[in-house]
């Protein structure tokens, strides 16, 4: 079976990440399995749209598009999906760079026609040069990275992580696009979980679907200095609880919290134990890591409870977008 053509979508929103955006695009153009195209989707920022259009005006394999939907990451991704031509659509964060074989590992996994999504491993690049001593690896998802507790190798999972992920185009035909109103939308609160909700919808629409993570498909994600502090850690874990409440509202608590139950009952207690052991052995940061894990659980639980109450009272809503304009349809986006 021939390897699938892969379109890469990078959603961007601020000129503050100009150098990061250029590095992300360069890493895609250097892939051992060449991308069919790279789509830069600009989120309601005309100055950035104009600047990127000028930067890549003579580069045929890079296209610059405006987000055709409401402000936010989900609508940007949906815009990229609708405009892309690949059999597989991969997503890369705008402040990350992919290793040379990133797309090659994605492509290999799609040899099985049942595979509908493949994610990879995201490694943090700390602004300070090293991981803060108090920051537990079990909570690396706070900074958009692969966290301790995920199984190694190429393994089935409930959901992939959105900043380093790919989907077969037919997955969107079956389940629709990313839901708007769950993930980041330009608000200061760092919400998430839009890819979790999509993956659960996908496996409901296609019970035979296989979703994988291959830890050889590696990207390196920059963690800015502001996200190395406990204040951001607390804000992000609280926002995760709010987001999980929306996911549970969409797909039910049983499926929406399936992976989280194992994480909170097995992975996190083991992390606390390691932190306390390190503290007893006078290793730097042990007590801080144990305390951060407990604090993260408490703040996430608080966000979930408040989000659940708001949902019952008719709080924030979201909508699932049907992807239109894909290649082969009338009116395909250019």
Protein backbone atom coordinates (compact mmCIF):
# COMPACT_ATOMS: atom_id res chain seq x y z
CA UNK A 1 0.00 0.00 0.00
CA UNK A 2 1.42 3.41 -0.98
CA UNK A 3 2.06 6.03 1.66
CA UNK A 4 -0.70 8.63 2.00
CA UNK A 5 -0.30 12.24 0.96
CA UNK A 6 -0.21 14.39 4.10
CA UNK A 7 -1.28 18.01 4.42
CA UNK A 8 0.11 19.86 7.44
CA UNK A 9 -1.98 22.56 9.13
CA UNK A 10 -0.32 25.11 11.40
CA UNK A 11 -2.70 27.56 13.11
CA UNK A 12 -1.14 30.92 13.97
CA UNK A 13 -2.44 34.03 15.67
CA UNK A 14 0.29 36.45 16.78
CA UNK A 15 3.35 38.13 15.27
CA UNK A 16 5.07 37.61 18.64
CA UNK A 17 5.75 34.05 17.45
CA UNK A 18 7.15 35.04 14.06
CA UNK A 19 10.45 33.21 14.42
CA UNK A 20 8.66 30.16 15.88
CA UNK A 21 6.27 30.06 12.92
CA UNK A 22 9.13 30.18 10.42
CA UNK A 23 10.93 27.41 12.31
CA UNK A 24 7.80 25.25 12.36
CA UNK A 25 7.33 25.62 8.59
CA UNK A 26 11.02 24.90 7.96
CA UNK A 27 10.80 21.68 9.98
CA UNK A 28 7.87 20.52 7.84
CA UNK A 29 9.70 21.34 4.61
CA UNK A 30 12.66 19.22 5.80
CA UNK A 31 10.65 16.03 6.38
CA UNK A 32 11.95 12.67 5.12
CA UNK A 33 8.36 11.95 4.05
CA UNK A 34 7.58 15.21 2.23
CA UNK A 35 4.34 16.95 3.07
CA UNK A 36 1.95 17.47 0.17
CA UNK A 37 1.44 21.04 1.40
CA UNK A 38 1.68 23.22 4.48
CA UNK A 39 -1.29 25.42 5.34
CA UNK A 40 -0.79 28.39 7.65
CA UNK A 41 -4.19 29.41 9.01
CA UNK A 42 -4.15 32.90 10.50
CA UNK A 43 -6.65 33.59 13.28
CA UNK A 44 -8.19 37.02 12.66
CA UNK A 45 -4.92 38.98 12.46
CA UNK A 46 -4.70 40.90 9.21
CA UNK A 47 -1.15 42.16 9.82
CA UNK A 48 0.12 38.63 10.37
CA UNK A 49 -1.85 37.35 7.36
CA UNK A 50 -0.27 39.98 5.12
CA UNK A 51 3.22 39.39 6.47
CA UNK A 52 3.06 35.61 6.04
CA UNK A 53 1.52 35.95 2.57
CA UNK A 54 4.49 38.09 1.58
CA UNK A 55 6.97 35.69 3.21
CA UNK A 56 5.70 32.65 1.32
CA UNK A 57 4.38 34.25 -1.89
CA UNK A 58 6.90 32.32 -4.02
CA UNK A 59 6.64 29.04 -2.11
CA UNK A 60 4.07 26.85 -3.82
CA UNK A 61 3.93 24.16 -1.13
CA UNK A 62 3.08 26.69 1.60
CA UNK A 63 -0.34 28.33 1.55
CA UNK A 64 -1.48 31.13 3.85
CA UNK A 65 -5.18 31.31 4.70
CA UNK A 66 -7.44 33.37 6.94
CA UNK A 67 -9.52 31.54 9.53
CA UNK A 68 -12.94 31.34 7.88
CA UNK A 69 -14.80 30.77 11.14
CA UNK A 70 -15.05 32.40 14.58
CA UNK A 71 -11.89 33.25 16.47
CA UNK A 72 -10.19 30.21 17.95
CA UNK A 73 -8.08 27.14 17.36
CA UNK A 74 -10.94 24.79 16.47
CA UNK A 75 -12.25 27.03 13.70
CA UNK A 76 -8.72 27.54 12.40
CA UNK A 77 -8.16 23.81 12.19
CA UNK A 78 -11.51 23.34 10.45
CA UNK A 79 -10.50 25.99 7.91
CA UNK A 80 -7.28 24.10 7.23
CA UNK A 81 -9.07 20.79 6.85
CA UNK A 82 -11.56 22.22 4.36
CA UNK A 83 -8.81 23.80 2.26
CA UNK A 84 -6.40 20.87 2.28
CA UNK A 85 -5.89 18.18 -0.35
CA UNK A 86 -4.14 15.40 1.54
CA UNK A 87 -5.56 12.00 2.37
CA UNK A 88 -4.25 12.65 5.89
CA UNK A 89 -4.23 16.02 7.69
CA UNK A 90 -1.56 16.58 10.33
CA UNK A 91 -1.50 19.38 12.89
CA UNK A 92 1.60 21.08 14.28
CA UNK A 93 1.70 23.80 16.93
CA UNK A 94 3.00 27.16 15.77
CA UNK A 95 5.71 27.16 18.46
CA UNK A 96 7.02 23.66 17.78
CA UNK A 97 9.46 22.02 15.38
CA UNK A 98 9.11 18.48 14.08
CA UNK A 99 11.91 15.96 13.86
CA UNK A 100 12.83 14.84 10.34
CA UNK A 101 10.91 11.54 10.45
CA UNK A 102 7.74 12.95 12.07
CA UNK A 103 5.53 12.50 9.00
CA UNK A 104 7.20 9.24 8.00
CA UNK A 105 6.04 7.61 11.25
CA UNK A 106 2.56 9.03 10.82
CA UNK A 107 2.35 7.74 7.25
CA UNK A 108 3.50 4.23 8.20
CA UNK A 109 0.71 3.86 10.75
CA UNK A 110 -1.96 4.51 8.12
CA UNK A 111 -1.03 1.32 6.26
CA UNK A 112 -3.81 -0.22 8.36
CA UNK A 113 -7.06 1.14 6.86
CA UNK A 114 -8.75 0.99 10.26
CA UNK A 115 -6.42 3.66 11.64
CA UNK A 116 -8.23 6.97 11.71
CA UNK A 117 -5.85 9.10 13.81
CA UNK A 118 -2.19 9.03 14.83
CA UNK A 119 -0.50 11.24 17.39
CA UNK A 120 3.12 11.59 18.43
CA UNK A 121 5.40 12.54 21.30
CA UNK A 122 5.80 16.21 22.20
CA UNK A 123 8.93 17.18 24.12
CA UNK A 124 9.18 20.43 26.11
CA UNK A 125 11.85 23.02 25.35
CA UNK A 126 11.99 25.10 28.52
CA UNK A 127 12.71 28.82 28.13
CA UNK A 128 14.97 28.70 31.19
CA UNK A 129 16.96 25.85 29.67
CA UNK A 130 15.80 23.17 32.08
CA UNK A 131 12.63 21.80 33.67
CA UNK A 132 11.67 23.69 36.85
CA UNK A 133 12.54 21.41 39.78
CA UNK A 134 8.98 21.52 41.12
CA UNK A 135 7.25 20.75 37.79
CA UNK A 136 6.04 17.11 37.67
CA UNK A 137 6.38 15.21 34.39
CA UNK A 138 2.89 13.80 35.03
CA UNK A 139 1.56 17.30 34.29
CA UNK A 140 3.50 18.09 31.12
CA UNK A 141 0.14 18.32 29.34
CA UNK A 142 -0.16 21.69 31.11
CA UNK A 143 2.45 23.02 28.67
CA UNK A 144 1.16 21.07 25.68
CA UNK A 145 3.57 18.16 25.92
CA UNK A 146 3.46 14.39 26.33
CA UNK A 147 3.09 13.53 30.01
CA UNK A 148 4.42 10.72 32.14
CA UNK A 149 1.88 7.92 32.29
CA UNK A 150 1.19 7.51 28.58
CA UNK A 151 2.23 4.06 27.33
CA UNK A 152 5.41 3.84 25.22
CA UNK A 153 5.69 2.68 21.62
CA UNK A 154 2.93 2.68 19.00
CA UNK A 155 -0.19 1.99 21.04
CA UNK A 156 -3.98 2.47 20.84
CA UNK A 157 -5.35 5.43 22.80
CA UNK A 158 -8.71 7.07 23.45
CA UNK A 159 -7.54 10.37 21.99
CA UNK A 160 -4.52 12.00 20.41
CA UNK A 161 -3.11 15.34 21.60
CA UNK A 162 -3.92 18.15 19.20
CA UNK A 163 -0.57 19.93 18.81
CA UNK A 164 1.08 16.80 17.40
CA UNK A 165 -1.60 14.77 15.67
CA UNK A 166 -2.96 13.57 12.36
CA UNK A 167 -6.31 12.33 11.11
CA UNK A 168 -7.42 10.47 8.03
CA UNK A 169 -9.67 12.76 5.98
CA UNK A 170 -12.52 10.27 6.18
CA UNK A 171 -12.48 10.73 9.98
CA UNK A 172 -13.93 14.20 9.47
CA UNK A 173 -16.48 12.86 7.00
CA UNK A 174 -17.66 10.49 9.71
CA UNK A 175 -17.54 12.74 12.78
CA UNK A 176 -17.47 16.33 11.58
CA UNK A 177 -14.76 18.82 12.51
CA UNK A 178 -13.42 20.24 15.73
CA UNK A 179 -16.13 21.62 18.00
CA UNK A 180 -16.04 25.37 18.49
CA UNK A 181 -16.63 26.61 22.01
CA UNK A 182 -14.49 24.00 23.81
CA UNK A 183 -10.85 24.85 23.08
CA UNK A 184 -8.90 28.07 22.89
CA UNK A 185 -10.76 30.94 21.31
CA UNK A 186 -8.65 33.99 22.03
CA UNK A 187 -9.83 34.20 25.64
CA UNK A 188 -7.15 34.59 28.29
CA UNK A 189 -8.23 31.33 29.94
CA UNK A 190 -6.22 28.42 28.47
CA UNK A 191 -9.01 25.99 27.67
CA UNK A 192 -8.49 22.75 25.76
CA UNK A 193 -9.85 19.24 25.10
CA UNK A 194 -11.24 19.91 21.64
CA UNK A 195 -9.25 16.98 20.23
CA UNK A 196 -10.49 14.71 23.04
CA UNK A 197 -14.10 15.48 22.22
CA UNK A 198 -13.49 14.93 18.50
CA UNK A 199 -11.77 11.57 19.05
CA UNK A 200 -14.61 10.29 21.23
CA UNK A 201 -17.14 11.41 18.62
CA UNK A 202 -15.08 9.67 15.96
CA UNK A 203 -15.01 6.31 17.72
CA UNK A 204 -18.75 6.54 18.30
CA UNK A 205 -19.35 7.23 14.62
CA UNK A 206 -16.82 4.58 13.57
CA UNK A 207 -16.66 1.86 16.27
CA UNK A 208 -14.03 0.03 14.23
CA UNK A 209 -11.71 3.05 14.20
CA UNK A 210 -8.22 2.71 15.68
CA UNK A 211 -6.51 5.75 17.20
CA UNK A 212 -2.79 5.50 17.90
CA UNK A 213 0.10 7.32 19.50
CA UNK A 214 3.54 6.59 18.07
CA UNK A 215 6.23 8.01 20.34
CA UNK A 216 8.74 8.00 17.46
CA UNK A 217 6.82 10.85 15.80
CA UNK A 218 8.53 13.57 17.81
CA UNK A 219 8.15 17.32 17.94
CA UNK A 220 9.85 19.82 20.24
CA UNK A 221 7.51 22.38 21.76
CA UNK A 222 8.74 25.68 23.16
CA UNK A 223 7.58 26.49 26.69
CA UNK A 224 7.76 30.26 27.31
CA UNK A 225 9.01 31.57 30.63
CA UNK A 226 5.54 32.64 31.76
CA UNK A 227 4.39 29.02 31.65
CA UNK A 228 7.18 27.80 33.91
CA UNK A 229 5.53 29.40 36.94
CA UNK A 230 3.04 27.87 39.35
CA UNK A 231 0.47 30.59 38.63
CA UNK A 232 0.12 29.33 35.04
CA UNK A 233 0.12 25.71 36.22
CA UNK A 234 -2.81 26.45 38.51
CA UNK A 235 -4.71 28.42 35.84
CA UNK A 236 -4.20 25.73 33.20
CA UNK A 237 -5.27 22.83 35.43
CA UNK A 238 -8.39 24.75 36.47
CA UNK A 239 -9.20 25.45 32.81
CA UNK A 240 -8.71 21.77 32.02
CA UNK A 241 -11.40 20.93 34.56
CA UNK A 242 -13.77 23.41 32.91
CA UNK A 243 -13.00 21.87 29.51
CA UNK A 244 -13.48 18.31 30.73
CA UNK A 245 -16.94 19.29 32.00
CA UNK A 246 -17.85 20.40 28.47
CA UNK A 247 -16.51 17.16 27.02
CA UNK A 248 -18.50 15.11 29.54
CA UNK A 249 -21.58 17.11 28.64
CA UNK A 250 -21.03 16.27 24.97
CA UNK A 251 -20.12 12.59 25.11
CA UNK A 252 -21.07 11.51 28.64
CA UNK A 253 -18.93 11.20 31.75
CA UNK A 254 -18.22 7.49 31.26
CA UNK A 255 -16.33 7.98 28.00
CA UNK A 256 -15.33 11.58 28.62
CA UNK A 257 -13.44 10.69 31.81
CA UNK A 258 -12.37 7.15 30.97
CA UNK A 259 -8.64 7.87 30.64
CA UNK A 260 -8.68 10.42 33.44
CA UNK A 261 -9.81 7.81 35.97
CA UNK A 262 -6.73 5.68 35.39
CA UNK A 263 -4.56 8.79 35.40
CA UNK A 264 -5.86 10.03 38.74
CA UNK A 265 -6.01 6.67 40.49
CA UNK A 266 -2.72 5.16 39.28
CA UNK A 267 -0.37 7.60 37.56
CA UNK A 268 -0.73 10.55 39.94
CA UNK A 269 -0.47 8.62 43.24
CA UNK A 270 2.73 7.03 41.91
CA UNK A 271 4.02 10.52 41.09
CA UNK A 272 3.27 11.77 44.59
CA UNK A 273 5.08 8.76 46.05
CA UNK A 274 8.14 9.44 43.88
CA UNK A 275 8.16 13.08 44.89
CA UNK A 276 7.99 12.24 48.59
CA UNK A 277 10.71 9.63 48.19
CA UNK A 278 12.94 12.18 46.46
CA UNK A 279 12.25 14.64 49.27
CA UNK A 280 13.35 12.05 51.85
CA UNK A 281 16.50 11.46 49.83
CA UNK A 282 17.14 15.24 49.73
CA UNK A 283 16.79 15.37 45.95
CA UNK A 284 15.88 18.81 44.57
CA UNK A 285 12.21 19.53 43.99
CA UNK A 286 10.76 16.29 45.35
CA UNK A 287 8.40 17.89 47.84
CA UNK A 288 7.44 20.56 45.30
CA UNK A 289 6.54 17.97 42.68
CA UNK A 290 4.39 16.02 45.13
CA UNK A 291 2.64 19.21 46.22
CA UNK A 292 2.13 20.34 42.61
CA UNK A 293 0.45 17.04 41.72
CA UNK A 294 -1.97 17.39 44.64
CA UNK A 295 -2.63 21.04 43.76
CA UNK A 296 -3.20 20.15 40.12
CA UNK A 297 -5.77 17.51 41.01
CA UNK A 298 -7.60 19.87 43.36
CA UNK A 299 -7.76 22.78 40.91
CA UNK A 300 -8.78 20.57 37.98
CA UNK A 301 -11.50 19.00 40.12
CA UNK A 302 -12.70 22.45 41.12
CA UNK A 303 -12.89 23.52 37.49
CA UNK A 304 -14.78 20.36 36.59
CA UNK A 305 -17.35 20.87 39.35
CA UNK A 306 -17.93 24.51 38.41
CA UNK A 307 -18.07 23.65 34.71
CA UNK A 308 -20.61 20.90 35.38
CA UNK A 309 -22.80 23.27 37.38
CA UNK A 310 -22.65 25.88 34.62
CA UNK A 311 -23.52 23.25 32.02
CA UNK A 312 -26.61 22.18 33.97
CA UNK A 313 -27.66 25.82 34.20
CA UNK A 314 -27.33 26.27 30.46
CA UNK A 315 -23.83 27.74 30.54
CA UNK A 316 -21.23 27.80 27.73
CA UNK A 317 -22.24 25.97 24.58
CA UNK A 318 -20.32 24.57 21.66
CA UNK A 319 -21.12 23.38 18.19
CA UNK A 320 -19.79 20.65 15.92
CA UNK A 321 -18.84 21.87 12.46
CA UNK A 322 -19.44 19.77 9.37
CA UNK A 323 -16.42 20.12 7.12
CA UNK A 324 -17.38 21.38 3.68
CA UNK A 325 -15.34 22.25 0.65
CA UNK A 326 -12.93 19.31 0.85
CA UNK A 327 -11.25 18.42 -2.45
CA UNK A 328 -13.61 16.67 -4.77
CA UNK A 329 -16.61 18.66 -3.54
CA UNK A 330 -18.11 21.57 -5.38
CA UNK A 331 -16.75 24.86 -4.14
CA UNK A 332 -13.54 23.48 -2.66
CA UNK A 333 -11.53 26.13 -0.88
CA UNK A 334 -8.49 27.35 -2.74
